[in-house]
């Protein structure tokens, strides 16, 4: 039988029950969908599907960088490929807006 080195057993005591990420429970996709993706001119913008998130993000990019058509075309193309990801894990839409 393999024996665990003493250093590893002491590390295991630092992470009781929750592994390396603690005892946090995973957030549900619903919780993320209840938060506005963007706030534009005082209006909160939400999305229900991945393509809606892509449209909101593309509109925001167009608002910010309207003078850069090549960038906008590439951005929209890339975001469109991420629509299924936003459907499965909405939190990534918030990361994409950064």
Protein backbone atom coordinates (compact mmCIF):
# COMPACT_ATOMS: atom_id res chain seq x y z
CA UNK A 1 0.00 0.00 0.00
CA UNK A 2 1.17 3.50 -0.77
CA UNK A 3 1.74 5.77 2.13
CA UNK A 4 0.94 9.49 1.96
CA UNK A 5 3.91 11.73 2.81
CA UNK A 6 3.53 13.73 6.02
CA UNK A 7 3.62 17.02 4.11
CA UNK A 8 0.57 16.05 2.07
CA UNK A 9 -1.40 14.91 5.08
CA UNK A 10 -0.82 18.28 6.76
CA UNK A 11 -2.05 20.06 3.61
CA UNK A 12 -5.21 17.97 3.65
CA UNK A 13 -6.04 19.36 7.08
CA UNK A 14 -5.94 22.92 5.69
CA UNK A 15 -8.81 22.19 3.31
CA UNK A 16 -11.46 20.47 5.41
CA UNK A 17 -14.29 18.95 3.45
CA UNK A 18 -14.29 21.35 0.56
CA UNK A 19 -11.08 20.50 -1.25
CA UNK A 20 -8.83 23.27 -2.49
CA UNK A 21 -11.75 25.64 -3.11
CA UNK A 22 -13.23 25.48 0.36
CA UNK A 23 -16.82 24.56 1.04
CA UNK A 24 -18.42 26.87 -1.49
CA UNK A 25 -21.40 25.50 -3.30
CA UNK A 26 -21.47 25.97 -7.05
CA UNK A 27 -23.61 28.89 -8.16
CA UNK A 28 -26.66 28.08 -10.20
CA UNK A 29 -27.08 29.50 -13.70
CA UNK A 30 -30.37 31.06 -12.57
CA UNK A 31 -28.60 33.29 -10.09
CA UNK A 32 -26.40 34.70 -12.84
CA UNK A 33 -29.34 35.26 -15.16
CA UNK A 34 -31.06 37.41 -12.54
CA UNK A 35 -28.23 39.96 -12.64
CA UNK A 36 -28.10 42.59 -15.38
CA UNK A 37 -25.33 41.99 -17.90
CA UNK A 38 -24.98 45.69 -18.67
CA UNK A 39 -26.22 49.03 -17.43
CA UNK A 40 -26.48 51.58 -20.22
CA UNK A 41 -27.84 55.08 -19.59
CA UNK A 42 -29.46 53.91 -16.36
CA UNK A 43 -31.18 50.95 -18.02
CA UNK A 44 -30.38 47.41 -16.87
CA UNK A 45 -29.98 44.92 -19.71
CA UNK A 46 -30.62 41.21 -19.10
CA UNK A 47 -30.37 38.14 -21.32
CA UNK A 48 -32.10 34.77 -21.36
CA UNK A 49 -30.15 32.95 -24.07
CA UNK A 50 -26.58 32.87 -25.34
CA UNK A 51 -27.43 34.67 -28.61
CA UNK A 52 -29.13 37.45 -26.61
CA UNK A 53 -25.94 37.85 -24.54
CA UNK A 54 -23.91 38.01 -27.76
CA UNK A 55 -26.21 40.72 -29.13
CA UNK A 56 -25.91 42.79 -25.93
CA UNK A 57 -22.13 42.46 -25.89
CA UNK A 58 -21.86 43.32 -29.60
CA UNK A 59 -24.05 46.41 -29.12
CA UNK A 60 -21.86 47.54 -26.23
CA UNK A 61 -18.69 46.99 -28.28
CA UNK A 62 -20.25 49.00 -31.10
CA UNK A 63 -21.13 51.79 -28.68
CA UNK A 64 -17.58 51.90 -27.30
CA UNK A 65 -15.57 51.23 -30.46
CA UNK A 66 -17.84 52.22 -33.34
CA UNK A 67 -14.91 53.65 -35.32
CA UNK A 68 -13.15 50.26 -35.54
CA UNK A 69 -15.13 48.14 -38.05
CA UNK A 70 -12.53 45.36 -38.38
CA UNK A 71 -12.36 44.94 -34.59
CA UNK A 72 -16.16 44.87 -34.36
CA UNK A 73 -16.48 42.24 -37.09
CA UNK A 74 -13.92 40.00 -35.37
CA UNK A 75 -15.49 40.59 -31.96
CA UNK A 76 -18.99 39.68 -33.17
CA UNK A 77 -17.69 36.57 -34.93
CA UNK A 78 -15.84 35.41 -31.83
CA UNK A 79 -18.74 36.15 -29.47
CA UNK A 80 -21.16 34.29 -31.77
CA UNK A 81 -18.99 31.19 -31.37
CA UNK A 82 -19.33 31.54 -27.58
CA UNK A 83 -23.15 31.69 -27.55
CA UNK A 84 -23.49 27.97 -26.60
CA UNK A 85 -21.05 28.55 -23.72
CA UNK A 86 -23.17 31.47 -22.47
CA UNK A 87 -26.24 29.20 -22.62
CA UNK A 88 -24.61 26.53 -20.47
CA UNK A 89 -22.68 28.84 -18.12
CA UNK A 90 -24.09 32.37 -18.07
CA UNK A 91 -21.32 33.65 -15.78
CA UNK A 92 -18.95 33.64 -18.75
CA UNK A 93 -20.98 36.43 -20.41
CA UNK A 94 -19.95 38.68 -17.52
CA UNK A 95 -16.33 37.69 -18.02
CA UNK A 96 -16.60 38.40 -21.75
CA UNK A 97 -17.71 41.97 -21.17
CA UNK A 98 -14.39 42.79 -19.52
